[in-house]
PDB file of N, CA and C in Angstrom:
ATOM      1  N   MET A   1     -22.812   8.760 -14.941  1.00  0.00           N
ATOM      2  CA  MET A   1     -23.502   7.486 -14.900  1.00  0.00           C
ATOM      3  C   MET A   1     -22.553   6.399 -14.432  1.00  0.00           C
ATOM      4  N   THR A   2     -23.028   5.480 -13.596  1.00  0.00           N
ATOM      5  CA  THR A   2     -22.216   4.378 -13.132  1.00  0.00           C
ATOM      6  C   THR A   2     -22.817   3.057 -13.620  1.00  0.00           C
ATOM      7  N   PRO A   3     -22.140   2.422 -14.579  1.00  0.00           N
ATOM      8  CA  PRO A   3     -22.672   1.180 -15.147  1.00  0.00           C
ATOM      9  C   PRO A   3     -22.479  -0.067 -14.286  1.00  0.00           C
ATOM     10  N   GLY A   4     -23.046  -0.072 -13.067  1.00  0.00           N
ATOM     11  CA  GLY A   4     -23.019  -1.260 -12.272  1.00  0.00           C
ATOM     12  C   GLY A   4     -21.688  -1.668 -11.705  1.00  0.00           C
ATOM     13  N   ILE A   5     -20.825  -0.708 -11.462  1.00  0.00           N
ATOM     14  CA  ILE A   5     -19.488  -1.005 -10.902  1.00  0.00           C
ATOM     15  C   ILE A   5     -19.498  -0.670  -9.423  1.00  0.00           C
ATOM     16  N   ARG A   6     -18.791  -1.472  -8.618  1.00  0.00           N
ATOM     17  CA  ARG A   6     -18.700  -1.231  -7.195  1.00  0.00           C
ATOM     18  C   ARG A   6     -17.208  -1.261  -6.804  1.00  0.00           C
ATOM     19  N   LEU A   7     -16.898  -0.474  -5.779  1.00  0.00           N
ATOM     20  CA  LEU A   7     -15.569  -0.505  -5.128  1.00  0.00           C
ATOM     21  C   LEU A   7     -15.766  -1.037  -3.723  1.00  0.00           C
ATOM     22  N   LEU A   8     -14.912  -1.951  -3.340  1.00  0.00           N
ATOM     23  CA  LEU A   8     -14.949  -2.467  -1.975  1.00  0.00           C
ATOM     24  C   LEU A   8     -13.648  -2.024  -1.302  1.00  0.00           C
ATOM     25  N   LEU A   9     -13.774  -1.494  -0.092  1.00  0.00           N
ATOM     26  CA  LEU A   9     -12.617  -1.084   0.676  1.00  0.00           C
ATOM     27  C   LEU A   9     -12.404  -2.025   1.830  1.00  0.00           C
ATOM     28  N   THR A  10     -11.136  -2.348   2.072  1.00  0.00           N
ATOM     29  CA  THR A  10     -10.754  -3.164   3.226  1.00  0.00           C
ATOM     30  C   THR A  10      -9.349  -2.815   3.617  1.00  0.00           C
ATOM     31  N   THR A  11      -8.888  -3.335   4.754  1.00  0.00           N
ATOM     32  CA  THR A  11      -7.513  -3.171   5.195  1.00  0.00           C
ATOM     33  C   THR A  11      -6.959  -4.485   5.720  1.00  0.00           C
ATOM     34  N   PHE A  12      -5.669  -4.630   5.620  1.00  0.00           N
ATOM     35  CA  PHE A  12      -4.957  -5.801   6.109  1.00  0.00           C
ATOM     36  C   PHE A  12      -3.743  -5.357   6.887  1.00  0.00           C
ATOM     37  N   ALA A  13      -3.210  -6.262   7.698  1.00  0.00           N
ATOM     38  CA  ALA A  13      -2.045  -5.960   8.511  1.00  0.00           C
ATOM     39  C   ALA A  13      -0.732  -5.965   7.725  1.00  0.00           C
ATOM     40  N   ASP A  14      -0.658  -6.788   6.653  1.00  0.00           N
ATOM     41  CA  ASP A  14       0.577  -6.862   5.915  1.00  0.00           C
ATOM     42  C   ASP A  14       0.319  -7.180   4.427  1.00  0.00           C
ATOM     43  N   GLU A  15       1.301  -6.866   3.616  1.00  0.00           N
ATOM     44  CA  GLU A  15       1.144  -7.028   2.155  1.00  0.00           C
ATOM     45  C   GLU A  15       1.033  -8.481   1.728  1.00  0.00           C
ATOM     46  N   ALA A  16       1.718  -9.388   2.424  1.00  0.00           N
ATOM     47  CA  ALA A  16       1.695 -10.784   2.016  1.00  0.00           C
ATOM     48  C   ALA A  16       0.274 -11.347   2.139  1.00  0.00           C
ATOM     49  N   ALA A  17      -0.385 -11.114   3.270  1.00  0.00           N
ATOM     50  CA  ALA A  17      -1.759 -11.598   3.462  1.00  0.00           C
ATOM     51  C   ALA A  17      -2.687 -10.918   2.469  1.00  0.00           C
ATOM     52  N   THR A  18      -2.442  -9.640   2.247  1.00  0.00           N
ATOM     53  CA  THR A  18      -3.275  -8.897   1.292  1.00  0.00           C
ATOM     54  C   THR A  18      -3.206  -9.512  -0.101  1.00  0.00           C
ATOM     55  N   ALA A  19      -1.969  -9.722  -0.561  1.00  0.00           N
ATOM     56  CA  ALA A  19      -1.799 -10.242  -1.902  1.00  0.00           C
ATOM     57  C   ALA A  19      -2.414 -11.628  -2.049  1.00  0.00           C
ATOM     58  N   THR A  20      -2.314 -12.476  -1.047  1.00  0.00           N
ATOM     59  CA  THR A  20      -2.912 -13.804  -1.078  1.00  0.00           C
ATOM     60  C   THR A  20      -4.412 -13.713  -1.248  1.00  0.00           C
ATOM     61  N   VAL A  21      -5.075 -12.857  -0.488  1.00  0.00           N
ATOM     62  CA  VAL A  21      -6.526 -12.757  -0.561  1.00  0.00           C
ATOM     63  C   VAL A  21      -6.945 -12.109  -1.897  1.00  0.00           C
ATOM     64  N   VAL A  22      -6.251 -11.088  -2.348  1.00  0.00           N
ATOM     65  CA  VAL A  22      -6.560 -10.448  -3.619  1.00  0.00           C
ATOM     66  C   VAL A  22      -6.430 -11.465  -4.741  1.00  0.00           C
ATOM     67  N   ARG A  23      -5.390 -12.275  -4.738  1.00  0.00           N
ATOM     68  CA  ARG A  23      -5.223 -13.271  -5.803  1.00  0.00           C
ATOM     69  C   ARG A  23      -6.338 -14.324  -5.767  1.00  0.00           C
ATOM     70  N   SER A  24      -6.770 -14.689  -4.572  1.00  0.00           N
ATOM     71  CA  SER A  24      -7.895 -15.637  -4.480  1.00  0.00           C
ATOM     72  C   SER A  24      -9.174 -15.059  -5.058  1.00  0.00           C
ATOM     73  N   LEU A  25      -9.445 -13.808  -4.769  1.00  0.00           N
ATOM     74  CA  LEU A  25     -10.633 -13.153  -5.304  1.00  0.00           C
ATOM     75  C   LEU A  25     -10.538 -13.014  -6.817  1.00  0.00           C
ATOM     76  N   LEU A  26      -9.332 -12.751  -7.339  1.00  0.00           N
ATOM     77  CA  LEU A  26      -9.125 -12.717  -8.792  1.00  0.00           C
ATOM     78  C   LEU A  26      -9.355 -14.073  -9.419  1.00  0.00           C
ATOM     79  N   ASP A  27      -8.763 -15.114  -8.819  1.00  0.00           N
ATOM     80  CA  ASP A  27      -8.911 -16.488  -9.302  1.00  0.00           C
ATOM     81  C   ASP A  27     -10.390 -16.926  -9.344  1.00  0.00           C
ATOM     82  N   GLU A  28     -11.161 -16.462  -8.392  1.00  0.00           N
ATOM     83  CA  GLU A  28     -12.602 -16.794  -8.317  1.00  0.00           C
ATOM     84  C   GLU A  28     -13.497 -15.864  -9.138  1.00  0.00           C
ATOM     85  N   HIS A  29     -12.853 -14.952  -9.903  1.00  0.00           N
ATOM     86  CA  HIS A  29     -13.573 -14.003 -10.742  1.00  0.00           C
ATOM     87  C   HIS A  29     -14.584 -13.157 -10.003  1.00  0.00           C
ATOM     88  N   LEU A  30     -14.220 -12.819  -8.745  1.00  0.00           N
ATOM     89  CA  LEU A  30     -15.083 -11.933  -7.956  1.00  0.00           C
ATOM     90  C   LEU A  30     -14.659 -10.473  -8.040  1.00  0.00           C
ATOM     91  N   ILE A  31     -13.409 -10.250  -8.461  1.00  0.00           N
ATOM     92  CA  ILE A  31     -12.914  -8.887  -8.673  1.00  0.00           C
ATOM     93  C   ILE A  31     -12.139  -8.850  -9.993  1.00  0.00           C
ATOM     94  N   ALA A  32     -12.055  -7.642 -10.537  1.00  0.00           N
ATOM     95  CA  ALA A  32     -11.226  -7.426 -11.730  1.00  0.00           C
ATOM     96  C   ALA A  32      -9.851  -6.942 -11.349  1.00  0.00           C
ATOM     97  N   CYS A  33      -9.733  -6.292 -10.187  1.00  0.00           N
ATOM     98  CA  CYS A  33      -8.485  -5.675  -9.749  1.00  0.00           C
ATOM     99  C   CYS A  33      -8.520  -5.420  -8.271  1.00  0.00           C
ATOM    100  N   GLY A  34      -7.374  -5.507  -7.664  1.00  0.00           N
ATOM    101  CA  GLY A  34      -7.206  -5.095  -6.263  1.00  0.00           C
ATOM    102  C   GLY A  34      -6.007  -4.198  -6.187  1.00  0.00           C
ATOM    103  N   THR A  35      -6.211  -2.982  -5.711  1.00  0.00           N
ATOM    104  CA  THR A  35      -5.111  -2.034  -5.565  1.00  0.00           C
ATOM    105  C   THR A  35      -4.671  -1.996  -4.105  1.00  0.00           C
ATOM    106  N   LEU A  36      -3.394  -2.290  -3.867  1.00  0.00           N
ATOM    107  CA  LEU A  36      -2.830  -2.347  -2.516  1.00  0.00           C
ATOM    108  C   LEU A  36      -2.084  -1.015  -2.267  1.00  0.00           C
ATOM    109  N   ILE A  37      -2.478  -0.389  -1.185  1.00  0.00           N
ATOM    110  CA  ILE A  37      -1.839   0.896  -0.825  1.00  0.00           C
ATOM    111  C   ILE A  37      -1.203   0.729   0.572  1.00  0.00           C
ATOM    112  N   PRO A  38       0.092   0.368   0.594  1.00  0.00           N
ATOM    113  CA  PRO A  38       0.730   0.172   1.884  1.00  0.00           C
ATOM    114  C   PRO A  38       0.964   1.519   2.583  1.00  0.00           C
ATOM    115  N   GLY A  39       1.252   1.458   3.874  1.00  0.00           N
ATOM    116  CA  GLY A  39       1.609   2.661   4.599  1.00  0.00           C
ATOM    117  C   GLY A  39       0.440   3.368   5.252  1.00  0.00           C
ATOM    118  N   ALA A  40      -0.722   2.763   5.259  1.00  0.00           N
ATOM    119  CA  ALA A  40      -1.865   3.380   5.946  1.00  0.00           C
ATOM    120  C   ALA A  40      -1.638   3.269   7.437  1.00  0.00           C
ATOM    121  N   ARG A  41      -2.073   4.246   8.184  1.00  0.00           N
ATOM    122  CA  ARG A  41      -1.959   4.248   9.639  1.00  0.00           C
ATOM    123  C   ARG A  41      -3.368   4.339  10.241  1.00  0.00           C
ATOM    124  N   SER A  42      -3.780   3.359  10.947  1.00  0.00           N
ATOM    125  CA  SER A  42      -5.098   3.346  11.528  1.00  0.00           C
ATOM    126  C   SER A  42      -5.015   3.570  13.045  1.00  0.00           C
ATOM    127  N   ILE A  43      -5.870   4.432  13.527  1.00  0.00           N
ATOM    128  CA  ILE A  43      -5.980   4.672  14.963  1.00  0.00           C
ATOM    129  C   ILE A  43      -7.483   4.422  15.275  1.00  0.00           C
ATOM    130  N   TYR A  44      -7.756   3.459  16.170  1.00  0.00           N
ATOM    131  CA  TYR A  44      -9.130   3.006  16.332  1.00  0.00           C
ATOM    132  C   TYR A  44      -9.351   2.507  17.760  1.00  0.00           C
ATOM    133  N   ARG A  45     -10.609   2.384  18.124  1.00  0.00           N
ATOM    134  CA  ARG A  45     -10.974   1.849  19.394  1.00  0.00           C
ATOM    135  C   ARG A  45     -11.249   0.362  19.202  1.00  0.00           C
ATOM    136  N   TRP A  46     -10.590  -0.467  20.030  1.00  0.00           N
ATOM    137  CA  TRP A  46     -10.757  -1.924  19.963  1.00  0.00           C
ATOM    138  C   TRP A  46     -10.802  -2.488  21.361  1.00  0.00           C
ATOM    139  N   LYS A  47     -11.921  -3.099  21.710  1.00  0.00           N
ATOM    140  CA  LYS A  47     -12.097  -3.758  22.981  1.00  0.00           C
ATOM    141  C   LYS A  47     -11.758  -2.811  24.159  1.00  0.00           C
ATOM    142  N   GLY A  48     -12.252  -1.577  24.056  1.00  0.00           N
ATOM    143  CA  GLY A  48     -12.091  -0.607  25.126  1.00  0.00           C
ATOM    144  C   GLY A  48     -10.820   0.184  25.164  1.00  0.00           C
ATOM    145  N   ALA A  49      -9.916  -0.055  24.257  1.00  0.00           N
ATOM    146  CA  ALA A  49      -8.631   0.639  24.233  1.00  0.00           C
ATOM    147  C   ALA A  49      -8.414   1.327  22.882  1.00  0.00           C
ATOM    148  N   ILE A  50      -7.659   2.417  22.896  1.00  0.00           N
ATOM    149  CA  ILE A  50      -7.262   3.060  21.650  1.00  0.00           C
ATOM    150  C   ILE A  50      -6.032   2.335  21.132  1.00  0.00           C
ATOM    151  N   GLU A  51      -6.155   1.825  19.904  1.00  0.00           N
ATOM    152  CA  GLU A  51      -5.048   1.110  19.240  1.00  0.00           C
ATOM    153  C   GLU A  51      -4.563   1.906  18.057  1.00  0.00           C
ATOM    154  N   GLU A  52      -3.334   1.579  17.641  1.00  0.00           N
ATOM    155  CA  GLU A  52      -2.754   2.186  16.440  1.00  0.00           C
ATOM    156  C   GLU A  52      -1.946   1.094  15.702  1.00  0.00           C
ATOM    157  N   SER A  53      -2.121   1.054  14.409  1.00  0.00           N
ATOM    158  CA  SER A  53      -1.363   0.039  13.650  1.00  0.00           C
ATOM    159  C   SER A  53      -1.135   0.487  12.197  1.00  0.00           C
ATOM    160  N   SER A  54      -0.093  -0.067  11.620  1.00  0.00           N
ATOM    161  CA  SER A  54       0.180   0.142  10.190  1.00  0.00           C
ATOM    162  C   SER A  54      -0.650  -0.916   9.447  1.00  0.00           C
ATOM    163  N   GLU A  55      -1.237  -0.456   8.338  1.00  0.00           N
ATOM    164  CA  GLU A  55      -2.073  -1.367   7.542  1.00  0.00           C
ATOM    165  C   GLU A  55      -1.851  -1.133   6.075  1.00  0.00           C
ATOM    166  N   VAL A  56      -2.377  -2.059   5.288  1.00  0.00           N
ATOM    167  CA  VAL A  56      -2.429  -1.925   3.845  1.00  0.00           C
ATOM    168  C   VAL A  56      -3.887  -1.636   3.483  1.00  0.00           C
ATOM    169  N   GLN A  57      -4.157  -0.482   2.860  1.00  0.00           N
ATOM    170  CA  GLN A  57      -5.487  -0.135   2.401  1.00  0.00           C
ATOM    171  C   GLN A  57      -5.680  -0.852   1.039  1.00  0.00           C
ATOM    172  N   VAL A  58      -6.849  -1.441   0.825  1.00  0.00           N
ATOM    173  CA  VAL A  58      -7.107  -2.165  -0.416  1.00  0.00           C
ATOM    174  C   VAL A  58      -8.380  -1.645  -1.027  1.00  0.00           C
ATOM    175  N   ILE A  59      -8.319  -1.406  -2.354  1.00  0.00           N
ATOM    176  CA  ILE A  59      -9.502  -1.023  -3.131  1.00  0.00           C
ATOM    177  C   ILE A  59      -9.736  -2.161  -4.134  1.00  0.00           C
ATOM    178  N   LEU A  60     -10.885  -2.805  -4.014  1.00  0.00           N
ATOM    179  CA  LEU A  60     -11.225  -3.916  -4.905  1.00  0.00           C
ATOM    180  C   LEU A  60     -12.269  -3.414  -5.902  1.00  0.00           C
ATOM    181  N   LYS A  61     -12.078  -3.743  -7.183  1.00  0.00           N
ATOM    182  CA  LYS A  61     -13.007  -3.327  -8.207  1.00  0.00           C
ATOM    183  C   LYS A  61     -13.843  -4.514  -8.677  1.00  0.00           C
ATOM    184  N   THR A  62     -15.174  -4.375  -8.661  1.00  0.00           N
ATOM    185  CA  THR A  62     -16.072  -5.458  -9.056  1.00  0.00           C
ATOM    186  C   THR A  62     -17.320  -4.883  -9.661  1.00  0.00           C
ATOM    187  N   SER A  63     -18.257  -5.765  -9.963  1.00  0.00           N
ATOM    188  CA  SER A  63     -19.546  -5.359 -10.532  1.00  0.00           C
ATOM    189  C   SER A  63     -20.606  -5.363  -9.433  1.00  0.00           C
ATOM    190  N   SER A  64     -21.699  -4.710  -9.688  1.00  0.00           N
ATOM    191  CA  SER A  64     -22.805  -4.717  -8.715  1.00  0.00           C
ATOM    192  C   SER A  64     -23.331  -6.117  -8.518  1.00  0.00           C
ATOM    193  N   GLU A  65     -23.262  -6.969  -9.556  1.00  0.00           N
ATOM    194  CA  GLU A  65     -23.758  -8.350  -9.463  1.00  0.00           C
ATOM    195  C   GLU A  65     -22.840  -9.208  -8.581  1.00  0.00           C
ATOM    196  N   GLU A  66     -21.550  -8.927  -8.568  1.00  0.00           N
ATOM    197  CA  GLU A  66     -20.602  -9.743  -7.807  1.00  0.00           C
ATOM    198  C   GLU A  66     -20.282  -9.184  -6.413  1.00  0.00           C
ATOM    199  N   ALA A  67     -20.676  -7.960  -6.155  1.00  0.00           N
ATOM    200  CA  ALA A  67     -20.283  -7.283  -4.925  1.00  0.00           C
ATOM    201  C   ALA A  67     -20.656  -8.058  -3.660  1.00  0.00           C
ATOM    202  N   SER A  68     -21.884  -8.515  -3.579  1.00  0.00           N
ATOM    203  CA  SER A  68     -22.326  -9.215  -2.378  1.00  0.00           C
ATOM    204  C   SER A  68     -21.558 -10.525  -2.183  1.00  0.00           C
ATOM    205  N   ARG A  69     -21.413 -11.284  -3.267  1.00  0.00           N
ATOM    206  CA  ARG A  69     -20.631 -12.530  -3.159  1.00  0.00           C
ATOM    207  C   ARG A  69     -19.195 -12.246  -2.764  1.00  0.00           C
ATOM    208  N   CYS A  70     -18.647 -11.182  -3.347  1.00  0.00           N
ATOM    209  CA  CYS A  70     -17.263 -10.820  -3.011  1.00  0.00           C
ATOM    210  C   CYS A  70     -17.137 -10.430  -1.559  1.00  0.00           C
ATOM    211  N   MET A  71     -18.079  -9.693  -1.010  1.00  0.00           N
ATOM    212  CA  MET A  71     -18.034  -9.290   0.391  1.00  0.00           C
ATOM    213  C   MET A  71     -18.066 -10.513   1.300  1.00  0.00           C
ATOM    214  N   VAL A  72     -18.912 -11.483   0.986  1.00  0.00           N
ATOM    215  CA  VAL A  72     -18.987 -12.705   1.788  1.00  0.00           C
ATOM    216  C   VAL A  72     -17.676 -13.452   1.716  1.00  0.00           C
ATOM    217  N   ARG A  73     -17.134 -13.619   0.520  1.00  0.00           N
ATOM    218  CA  ARG A  73     -15.879 -14.391   0.360  1.00  0.00           C
ATOM    219  C   ARG A  73     -14.730 -13.640   1.046  1.00  0.00           C
ATOM    220  N   LEU A  74     -14.671 -12.331   0.896  1.00  0.00           N
ATOM    221  CA  LEU A  74     -13.627 -11.543   1.549  1.00  0.00           C
ATOM    222  C   LEU A  74     -13.699 -11.735   3.060  1.00  0.00           C
ATOM    223  N   ALA A  75     -14.862 -11.723   3.630  1.00  0.00           N
ATOM    224  CA  ALA A  75     -15.023 -11.941   5.049  1.00  0.00           C
ATOM    225  C   ALA A  75     -14.520 -13.345   5.463  1.00  0.00           C
ATOM    226  N   GLU A  76     -14.756 -14.351   4.622  1.00  0.00           N
ATOM    227  CA  GLU A  76     -14.265 -15.715   4.908  1.00  0.00           C
ATOM    228  C   GLU A  76     -12.760 -15.800   4.878  1.00  0.00           C
ATOM    229  N   LEU A  77     -12.149 -15.091   3.930  1.00  0.00           N
ATOM    230  CA  LEU A  77     -10.702 -15.154   3.736  1.00  0.00           C
ATOM    231  C   LEU A  77      -9.908 -14.218   4.654  1.00  0.00           C
ATOM    232  N   HIS A  78     -10.584 -13.200   5.180  1.00  0.00           N
ATOM    233  CA  HIS A  78      -9.900 -12.135   5.910  1.00  0.00           C
ATOM    234  C   HIS A  78      -9.427 -12.613   7.284  1.00  0.00           C
ATOM    235  N   PRO A  79      -8.177 -12.276   7.674  1.00  0.00           N
ATOM    236  CA  PRO A  79      -7.660 -12.735   8.961  1.00  0.00           C
ATOM    237  C   PRO A  79      -8.173 -11.953  10.149  1.00  0.00           C
ATOM    238  N   TYR A  80      -8.756 -10.776   9.951  1.00  0.00           N
ATOM    239  CA  TYR A  80      -9.233  -9.934  11.078  1.00  0.00           C
ATOM    240  C   TYR A  80     -10.498 -10.520  11.669  1.00  0.00           C
ATOM    241  N   GLU A  81     -10.666 -10.363  12.986  1.00  0.00           N
ATOM    242  CA  GLU A  81     -11.889 -10.774  13.661  1.00  0.00           C
ATOM    243  C   GLU A  81     -13.089  -9.975  13.139  1.00  0.00           C
ATOM    244  N   VAL A  82     -12.879  -8.691  12.945  1.00  0.00           N
ATOM    245  CA  VAL A  82     -13.945  -7.804  12.424  1.00  0.00           C
ATOM    246  C   VAL A  82     -13.304  -6.988  11.270  1.00  0.00           C
ATOM    247  N   PRO A  83     -13.291  -7.533  10.071  1.00  0.00           N
ATOM    248  CA  PRO A  83     -12.664  -6.810   8.951  1.00  0.00           C
ATOM    249  C   PRO A  83     -13.496  -5.650   8.473  1.00  0.00           C
ATOM    250  N   GLU A  84     -12.802  -4.602   8.076  1.00  0.00           N
ATOM    251  CA  GLU A  84     -13.455  -3.485   7.372  1.00  0.00           C
ATOM    252  C   GLU A  84     -13.794  -3.975   5.983  1.00  0.00           C
ATOM    253  N   ILE A  85     -15.090  -3.966   5.650  1.00  0.00           N
ATOM    254  CA  ILE A  85     -15.539  -4.255   4.308  1.00  0.00           C
ATOM    255  C   ILE A  85     -16.633  -3.286   3.968  1.00  0.00           C
ATOM    256  N   ILE A  86     -16.315  -2.339   3.080  1.00  0.00           N
ATOM    257  CA  ILE A  86     -17.222  -1.262   2.770  1.00  0.00           C
ATOM    258  C   ILE A  86     -17.455  -1.259   1.261  1.00  0.00           C
ATOM    259  N   GLU A  87     -18.703  -1.226   0.858  1.00  0.00           N
ATOM    260  CA  GLU A  87     -19.034  -1.169  -0.575  1.00  0.00           C
ATOM    261  C   GLU A  87     -19.386   0.299  -0.933  1.00  0.00           C
ATOM    262  N   LEU A  88     -18.761   0.779  -1.977  1.00  0.00           N
ATOM    263  CA  LEU A  88     -19.017   2.094  -2.512  1.00  0.00           C
ATOM    264  C   LEU A  88     -19.535   1.985  -3.938  1.00  0.00           C
ATOM    265  N   GLU A  89     -20.475   2.858  -4.272  1.00  0.00           N
ATOM    266  CA  GLU A  89     -21.020   2.946  -5.636  1.00  0.00           C
ATOM    267  C   GLU A  89     -20.512   4.250  -6.236  1.00  0.00           C
ATOM    268  N   PRO A  90     -19.611   4.157  -7.233  1.00  0.00           N
ATOM    269  CA  PRO A  90     -19.106   5.401  -7.864  1.00  0.00           C
ATOM    270  C   PRO A  90     -20.269   6.164  -8.523  1.00  0.00           C
ATOM    271  N   THR A  91     -20.212   7.475  -8.465  1.00  0.00           N
ATOM    272  CA  THR A  91     -21.211   8.277  -9.122  1.00  0.00           C
ATOM    273  C   THR A  91     -20.922   8.396 -10.629  1.00  0.00           C
ATOM    274  N   SER A  92     -19.666   8.194 -11.011  1.00  0.00           N
ATOM    275  CA  SER A  92     -19.363   8.117 -12.437  1.00  0.00           C
ATOM    276  C   SER A  92     -18.049   7.342 -12.584  1.00  0.00           C
ATOM    277  N   ILE A  93     -17.916   6.772 -13.758  1.00  0.00           N
ATOM    278  CA  ILE A  93     -16.741   5.961 -14.079  1.00  0.00           C
ATOM    279  C   ILE A  93     -16.614   5.960 -15.608  1.00  0.00           C
ATOM    280  N   SER A  94     -15.414   5.945 -16.100  1.00  0.00           N
ATOM    281  CA  SER A  94     -15.238   5.959 -17.580  1.00  0.00           C
ATOM    282  C   SER A  94     -15.769   4.656 -18.142  1.00  0.00           C
ATOM    283  N   VAL A  95     -16.428   4.769 -19.277  1.00  0.00           N
ATOM    284  CA  VAL A  95     -17.023   3.604 -19.940  1.00  0.00           C
ATOM    285  C   VAL A  95     -15.960   2.520 -20.285  1.00  0.00           C
ATOM    286  N   PRO A  96     -14.788   2.949 -20.827  1.00  0.00           N
ATOM    287  CA  PRO A  96     -13.800   1.894 -21.136  1.00  0.00           C
ATOM    288  C   PRO A  96     -13.336   1.147 -19.887  1.00  0.00           C
ATOM    289  N   TYR A  97     -13.183   1.832 -18.761  1.00  0.00           N
ATOM    290  CA  TYR A  97     -12.765   1.169 -17.507  1.00  0.00           C
ATOM    291  C   TYR A  97     -13.838   0.242 -16.977  1.00  0.00           C
ATOM    292  N   ALA A  98     -15.069   0.718 -17.015  1.00  0.00           N
ATOM    293  CA  ALA A  98     -16.201  -0.114 -16.577  1.00  0.00           C
ATOM    294  C   ALA A  98     -16.314  -1.357 -17.460  1.00  0.00           C
ATOM    295  N   THR A  99     -16.130  -1.175 -18.738  1.00  0.00           N
ATOM    296  CA  THR A  99     -16.183  -2.305 -19.666  1.00  0.00           C
ATOM    297  C   THR A  99     -15.098  -3.332 -19.353  1.00  0.00           C
ATOM    298  N   TRP A 100     -13.877  -2.829 -19.086  1.00  0.00           N
ATOM    299  CA  TRP A 100     -12.778  -3.715 -18.729  1.00  0.00           C
ATOM    300  C   TRP A 100     -13.102  -4.505 -17.448  1.00  0.00           C
ATOM    301  N   ILE A 101     -13.642  -3.842 -16.467  1.00  0.00           N
ATOM    302  CA  ILE A 101     -13.994  -4.549 -15.207  1.00  0.00           C
ATOM    303  C   ILE A 101     -14.987  -5.655 -15.509  1.00  0.00           C
ATOM    304  N   ARG A 102     -16.046  -5.358 -16.220  1.00  0.00           N
ATOM    305  CA  ARG A 102     -17.062  -6.352 -16.547  1.00  0.00           C
ATOM    306  C   ARG A 102     -16.464  -7.523 -17.350  1.00  0.00           C
ATOM    307  N   GLU A 103     -15.629  -7.215 -18.354  1.00  0.00           N
ATOM    308  CA  GLU A 103     -15.032  -8.268 -19.174  1.00  0.00           C
ATOM    309  C   GLU A 103     -14.073  -9.125 -18.330  1.00  0.00           C
ATOM    310  N   SER A 104     -13.404  -8.543 -17.383  1.00  0.00           N
ATOM    311  CA  SER A 104     -12.469  -9.275 -16.522  1.00  0.00           C
ATOM    312  C   SER A 104     -13.194 -10.249 -15.605  1.00  0.00           C
ATOM    313  N   LEU A 105     -14.419  -9.992 -15.283  1.00  0.00           N
ATOM    314  CA  LEU A 105     -15.179 -10.850 -14.384  1.00  0.00           C
ATOM    315  C   LEU A 105     -15.837 -12.007 -15.086  1.00  0.00           C
ATOM    316  N   SER A 106     -15.864 -11.997 -16.425  1.00  0.00           N
ATOM    317  CA  SER A 106     -16.553 -13.072 -17.152  1.00  0.00           C
ATOM    318  C   SER A 106     -15.620 -14.235 -17.463  1.00  0.00           C
TER     319      SER A 106
END
């Protein structure tokens, strides 16, 4: 069972920009946590060319109620022209962790 928790995935070019945006989302109570995973390597098509870049993968933890607002705000803060913003609904999550996420957002 998933008690209304959502994970948002995004990527950034560097850790400094990532940390700034994650802290803003925390300050605005839109997320309970942001996990930064440096060292991601993305290979993608952009404007007709194959590109490759190092990125920071980010997993944001939020509630189903805040997910849409968080996605909008993330898009506003994100430096990319077309940021990756993907919402995932976990199929299960531990009750204590879900409770902590909800309490952190209030």
